[in-house]
Amino acid sequence: NFLDAIQRIKSSRQPDLCEQRLALPLHDESGHFLGMIGIHFRQAPAETLIQLLTLYSRQAGSAIARMVLHTVLQSRNHQLKETNKQLKDSYMETITAVRLMVEAKDIYTRGHSDRVSYYTTLLAKKRIQDPQRLELIRLAGLFHDVGKIGVPDSILTKLGPLSEEEFAQIRRHSELGCQILSTMSFFQDIAGIIRGHHERWDGKGYPDGLAGTQIPLESRMIAVADAFDAMTSFRAYRQSLSLDQARAELIRNKGTQFDPQLVDEFLELLNDYDKIHAQLEWTFHEL
């Protein structure tokens, strides 16, 4: 029962799964028990979801503890700033852990998010000078695929063509990524960017069928960078495209898949591709 579950997780500090009911402990970084989160599922949750929720419960416990500390230390500005920095770092650690879990599922995507983040930031600097906005764009590129944590490994690593049902599950990752990041205040500003990074300029993308400038500018930037890196990276089911072949594909899809002006600006960046590639060389090695 409920009281038994509290006693079990209070002593073990581990999630307690009973049929479709999952109890998660909340404790601070010193291990002091603060409470618990109870979730009822329609069916037994997948192990990856339990891992994600466990990470989130740890973050929630840390956040609760730090909120109390924040109140106590209101008059001490230096310590308040340090507390906020630690909270931000905890958020970053949580989402970075999720990102690495995604990359661990499929070795062929390792380094992909780092490269997309780098390309997108370079592209953004052509239009945007605000450092805070550029940092949000960098983070959005870095975490654009976190929603793939909810996609089964068998689909992510499948070598042959995907069925309609399998492709539908892949398509959910941008929406799921938005949902995950929306739960954390520090990432709420990038959640919508990530939701829109598979929308198309012609309105035939997903999940919302947005078109043209209805799509956030940052999402349109990630779309170009994401496609370019996918084309120029090796996959088990195909060889990577050459730089010239990737350029040609971007040009071919101007005004349909991609914002045409952003494609032109991205192609200008590729004039320095040797230098860019050298900066990203570390991302092409296996972790």
Protein backbone atom coordinates (compact mmCIF):
# COMPACT_ATOMS: atom_id res chain seq x y z
CA ASN A 1 0.00 0.00 0.00
CA PHE A 2 0.92 3.68 0.00
CA LEU A 3 2.51 3.71 3.48
CA ASP A 4 4.51 0.58 2.73
CA ALA A 5 5.81 2.18 -0.49
CA ILE A 6 6.93 5.26 1.49
CA GLN A 7 8.84 3.11 3.96
CA ARG A 8 10.50 1.09 1.19
CA ILE A 9 11.73 4.04 -0.83
CA LYS A 10 12.67 5.99 2.31
CA SER A 11 15.04 3.21 3.35
CA SER A 12 16.27 2.16 -0.11
CA ARG A 13 16.21 5.60 -1.82
CA GLN A 14 15.33 3.70 -5.01
CA PRO A 15 12.23 3.75 -7.25
CA ASP A 16 9.52 1.30 -6.25
CA LEU A 17 7.51 -0.23 -9.13
CA CYS A 18 4.39 -2.24 -8.34
CA GLU A 19 2.41 -3.22 -11.45
CA GLN A 20 1.47 0.11 -13.06
CA ARG A 21 2.30 2.23 -9.99
CA LEU A 22 5.73 3.86 -9.71
CA ALA A 23 6.91 5.58 -6.53
CA LEU A 24 10.00 7.81 -6.76
CA PRO A 25 11.93 9.20 -3.76
CA LEU A 26 12.66 12.87 -3.33
CA HIS A 27 15.80 13.64 -1.34
CA ASP A 28 18.39 16.37 -1.20
CA GLU A 29 22.03 16.00 -2.21
CA SER A 30 22.91 14.87 1.32
CA GLY A 31 20.41 12.05 1.14
CA HIS A 32 17.76 13.54 3.46
CA PHE A 33 14.34 12.18 2.54
CA LEU A 34 11.92 14.93 1.49
CA GLY A 35 8.94 13.02 0.14
CA MET A 36 7.94 11.01 -2.89
CA ILE A 37 6.33 11.24 -6.30
CA GLY A 38 3.67 8.67 -7.21
CA ILE A 39 2.74 7.95 -10.83
CA HIS A 40 0.06 5.59 -12.13
CA PHE A 41 0.50 4.29 -15.71
CA ARG A 42 -2.03 2.64 -17.99
CA GLN A 43 0.53 -0.09 -18.62
CA ALA A 44 3.88 -1.06 -17.14
CA PRO A 45 6.43 1.67 -18.04
CA ALA A 46 9.52 0.96 -20.15
CA GLU A 47 12.89 0.81 -18.42
CA THR A 48 14.14 3.91 -20.28
CA LEU A 49 11.15 5.89 -19.01
CA ILE A 50 11.81 4.75 -15.44
CA GLN A 51 15.44 5.87 -15.82
CA LEU A 52 14.35 9.27 -17.11
CA LEU A 53 11.82 9.74 -14.29
CA THR A 54 14.44 8.67 -11.74
CA LEU A 55 16.78 11.37 -13.04
CA TYR A 56 13.93 13.85 -12.89
CA SER A 57 13.00 12.88 -9.29
CA ARG A 58 16.61 13.45 -8.23
CA GLN A 59 16.52 16.83 -9.89
CA ALA A 60 13.17 17.63 -8.27
CA GLY A 61 14.53 16.74 -4.81
CA SER A 62 17.57 18.94 -5.37
CA ALA A 63 15.35 21.76 -6.63
CA ILE A 64 13.07 21.57 -3.57
CA ALA A 65 16.06 21.62 -1.23
CA ARG A 66 17.58 24.55 -3.04
CA MET A 67 14.31 26.48 -3.00
CA VAL A 68 14.31 26.23 0.79
CA LEU A 69 17.92 27.32 0.88
CA HIS A 70 17.08 30.17 -1.49
CA THR A 71 14.49 31.52 0.96
CA VAL A 72 16.82 31.27 3.94
CA LEU A 73 19.66 33.06 2.16
CA GLN A 74 17.70 35.93 0.56
CA SER A 75 19.86 38.53 2.30
CA ARG A 76 23.09 36.96 1.12
CA ASN A 77 23.35 37.76 -2.58
CA HIS A 78 26.60 35.98 -3.26
CA GLN A 79 25.31 32.69 -1.88
CA LEU A 80 22.05 33.13 -3.76
CA LYS A 81 23.91 33.43 -7.05
CA GLU A 82 25.89 30.31 -6.26
CA THR A 83 22.70 28.41 -5.46
CA ASN A 84 21.14 29.43 -8.77
CA LYS A 85 24.28 28.39 -10.59
CA GLN A 86 24.13 24.97 -8.95
CA LEU A 87 20.49 24.61 -9.92
CA LYS A 88 21.32 25.49 -13.52
CA ASP A 89 24.20 23.01 -13.46
CA SER A 90 21.87 20.32 -12.12
CA TYR A 91 19.43 20.96 -14.95
CA MET A 92 22.28 20.75 -17.44
CA GLU A 93 23.53 17.51 -15.90
CA THR A 94 20.08 15.96 -16.08
CA ILE A 95 19.45 16.80 -19.74
CA THR A 96 23.02 15.98 -20.70
CA ALA A 97 22.51 12.55 -19.12
CA VAL A 98 19.38 12.06 -21.20
CA ARG A 99 21.22 13.19 -24.36
CA LEU A 100 24.02 10.71 -23.70
CA MET A 101 21.48 7.95 -23.09
CA VAL A 102 20.06 8.68 -26.54
CA GLU A 103 23.50 8.60 -28.14
CA ALA A 104 24.32 5.37 -26.31
CA LYS A 105 21.38 3.73 -28.06
CA ASP A 106 22.88 4.31 -31.49
CA ILE A 107 26.63 4.68 -31.97
CA TYR A 108 26.09 6.23 -35.40
CA THR A 109 24.53 9.35 -33.86
CA ARG A 110 27.38 10.03 -31.43
CA GLY A 111 28.70 13.56 -31.87
CA HIS A 112 25.70 14.49 -34.03
CA SER A 113 24.12 16.85 -31.49
CA ASP A 114 27.45 18.58 -30.82
CA ARG A 115 27.90 19.22 -34.54
CA VAL A 116 24.32 20.42 -35.03
CA SER A 117 24.76 22.80 -32.11
CA TYR A 118 28.01 24.14 -33.59
CA TYR A 119 26.60 24.59 -37.10
CA THR A 120 23.41 26.21 -35.80
CA THR A 121 25.31 28.68 -33.63
CA LEU A 122 27.54 29.69 -36.54
CA LEU A 123 24.46 30.26 -38.67
CA ALA A 124 22.69 32.21 -35.92
CA LYS A 125 25.65 34.57 -35.52
CA LYS A 126 24.96 35.86 -39.03
CA ARG A 127 21.73 37.43 -37.77
CA ILE A 128 21.81 37.56 -33.98
CA GLN A 129 24.17 39.45 -31.68
CA ASP A 130 22.45 38.94 -28.30
CA PRO A 131 24.71 36.53 -26.31
CA GLN A 132 21.82 35.17 -24.25
CA ARG A 133 19.78 34.31 -27.32
CA LEU A 134 22.82 32.71 -28.97
CA GLU A 135 23.32 30.57 -25.86
CA LEU A 136 19.69 29.39 -26.05
CA ILE A 137 20.23 28.48 -29.70
CA ARG A 138 23.41 26.58 -28.83
CA LEU A 139 21.56 24.60 -26.17
CA ALA A 140 18.60 23.94 -28.47
CA GLY A 141 20.98 22.46 -31.04
CA LEU A 142 22.69 20.39 -28.40
CA PHE A 143 19.46 18.92 -27.02
CA HIS A 144 17.31 18.81 -30.17
CA ASP A 145 17.10 15.00 -30.15
CA VAL A 146 16.49 14.31 -26.43
CA GLY A 147 12.97 13.14 -27.31
CA LYS A 148 14.49 10.04 -28.92
CA ILE A 149 14.81 8.66 -25.38
CA GLY A 150 11.20 7.56 -25.92
CA VAL A 151 11.85 5.77 -29.23
CA PRO A 152 12.53 2.00 -28.97
CA ASP A 153 16.12 0.94 -29.68
CA SER A 154 14.90 -1.49 -32.34
CA ILE A 155 13.58 1.42 -34.39
CA LEU A 156 16.52 3.79 -33.87
CA THR A 157 19.03 1.16 -34.98
CA LYS A 158 16.98 -0.53 -37.70
CA LEU A 159 18.97 -0.95 -40.91
CA GLY A 160 16.08 -1.46 -43.33
CA PRO A 161 13.15 0.81 -44.24
CA LEU A 162 10.82 1.86 -41.43
CA SER A 163 7.17 0.87 -41.45
CA GLU A 164 4.51 3.58 -41.20
CA GLU A 165 4.01 2.75 -37.52
CA GLU A 166 7.74 2.86 -36.82
CA PHE A 167 8.14 6.17 -38.63
CA ALA A 168 5.22 7.57 -36.62
CA GLN A 169 7.14 6.75 -33.43
CA ILE A 170 10.26 8.47 -34.78
CA ARG A 171 8.17 11.54 -35.64
CA ARG A 172 7.09 11.87 -32.00
CA HIS A 173 10.60 12.67 -30.81
CA SER A 174 10.43 16.43 -31.42
CA GLU A 175 7.14 16.67 -29.52
CA LEU A 176 8.41 14.46 -26.70
CA GLY A 177 11.61 16.49 -26.46
CA CYS A 178 9.52 19.61 -26.04
CA GLN A 179 7.49 17.95 -23.28
CA ILE A 180 10.61 16.83 -21.40
CA LEU A 181 12.28 20.24 -21.52
CA SER A 182 9.07 22.10 -20.67
CA THR A 183 9.13 20.50 -17.21
CA MET A 184 12.32 22.36 -16.32
CA SER A 185 12.15 26.12 -15.97
CA PHE A 186 15.66 26.70 -17.28
CA PHE A 187 14.82 24.96 -20.57
CA GLN A 188 11.33 26.28 -21.23
CA ASP A 189 12.65 28.89 -23.67
CA ILE A 190 14.14 26.21 -25.92
CA ALA A 191 11.30 23.68 -25.67
CA GLY A 192 9.34 25.29 -28.50
CA ILE A 193 12.45 25.51 -30.68
CA ILE A 194 12.98 21.79 -30.33
CA ARG A 195 9.32 21.05 -31.04
CA GLY A 196 9.62 22.83 -34.38
CA HIS A 197 12.94 21.55 -35.72
CA HIS A 198 11.25 19.05 -38.09
CA GLU A 199 8.70 21.49 -39.48
CA ARG A 200 9.16 22.28 -43.19
CA TRP A 201 9.09 25.58 -45.03
CA ASP A 202 6.28 24.21 -47.26
CA GLY A 203 4.14 23.14 -44.28
CA LYS A 204 4.61 19.40 -44.78
CA GLY A 205 6.67 18.82 -41.64
CA TYR A 206 5.72 17.70 -38.14
CA PRO A 207 4.35 17.78 -35.49
CA ASP A 208 2.23 20.90 -36.16
CA GLY A 209 2.39 21.38 -39.94
CA LEU A 210 3.70 24.95 -39.60
CA ALA A 211 4.91 26.72 -42.74
CA GLY A 212 7.27 29.57 -43.61
CA THR A 213 7.82 32.12 -40.89
CA GLN A 214 5.24 30.42 -38.66
CA ILE A 215 8.15 28.15 -37.76
CA PRO A 216 10.47 29.71 -35.15
CA LEU A 217 13.62 31.10 -36.75
CA GLU A 218 15.79 29.02 -34.42
CA SER A 219 13.94 25.84 -35.43
CA ARG A 220 14.50 26.65 -39.11
CA MET A 221 18.21 27.06 -38.42
CA ILE A 222 18.44 23.71 -36.64
CA ALA A 223 16.56 22.06 -39.52
CA VAL A 224 19.28 23.09 -42.00
CA ALA A 225 22.16 22.16 -39.68
CA ASP A 226 20.53 18.85 -38.70
CA ALA A 227 19.98 17.81 -42.32
CA PHE A 228 23.49 18.79 -43.37
CA ASP A 229 25.12 16.79 -40.58
CA ALA A 230 22.89 13.78 -41.25
CA MET A 231 23.88 13.83 -44.91
CA THR A 232 27.62 14.16 -44.25
CA SER A 233 27.75 11.55 -41.46
CA PHE A 234 28.21 7.80 -41.93
CA ARG A 235 25.22 5.58 -41.20
CA ALA A 236 25.08 1.78 -41.12
CA TYR A 237 22.52 1.81 -43.93
CA ARG A 238 24.37 4.23 -46.26
CA GLN A 239 27.62 6.02 -46.92
CA SER A 240 27.96 9.70 -46.09
CA LEU A 241 27.51 12.24 -48.87
CA SER A 242 30.40 14.36 -50.03
CA LEU A 243 30.41 18.08 -49.26
CA ASP A 244 29.38 18.89 -52.85
CA GLN A 245 26.56 16.34 -52.76
CA ALA A 246 25.27 17.76 -49.47
CA ARG A 247 25.42 21.30 -50.89
CA ALA A 248 23.40 20.14 -53.89
CA GLU A 249 20.75 18.56 -51.64
CA LEU A 250 20.36 21.73 -49.59
CA ILE A 251 19.95 23.76 -52.78
CA ARG A 252 17.46 21.24 -54.18
CA ASN A 253 15.30 21.55 -51.07
CA LYS A 254 15.37 25.36 -50.82
CA GLY A 255 11.85 26.72 -50.50
CA THR A 256 10.32 23.29 -49.84
CA GLN A 257 12.01 21.68 -46.84
CA PHE A 258 14.18 24.62 -45.83
CA ASP A 259 14.02 28.39 -45.45
CA PRO A 260 15.72 29.47 -48.71
CA GLN A 261 17.52 32.45 -47.21
CA LEU A 262 18.95 30.33 -44.40
CA VAL A 263 20.21 27.79 -46.93
CA ASP A 264 22.06 30.58 -48.77
CA GLU A 265 23.60 31.78 -45.52
CA PHE A 266 24.57 28.25 -44.51
CA LEU A 267 26.20 27.65 -47.90
CA GLU A 268 28.31 30.77 -47.29
CA LEU A 269 29.53 29.20 -44.04
CA LEU A 270 30.57 26.08 -45.92
CA ASN A 271 33.16 28.11 -47.80
CA ASP A 272 35.23 27.63 -44.63
CA TYR A 273 34.28 23.98 -44.22
CA ASP A 274 37.86 22.74 -43.79
CA LYS A 275 38.31 25.03 -40.79
CA ILE A 276 34.87 24.07 -39.39
CA HIS A 277 35.59 20.37 -39.83
CA ALA A 278 38.89 20.74 -37.98
CA GLN A 279 37.06 22.36 -35.05
CA LEU A 280 34.65 19.43 -34.95
CA GLU A 281 37.15 16.62 -35.53
CA TRP A 282 36.78 15.36 -31.95
CA THR A 283 33.07 14.66 -32.50
CA PHE A 284 33.78 12.06 -35.17
CA HIS A 285 35.61 9.74 -32.78
CA GLU A 286 33.70 7.12 -30.83
CA LEU A 287 33.04 7.95 -27.19
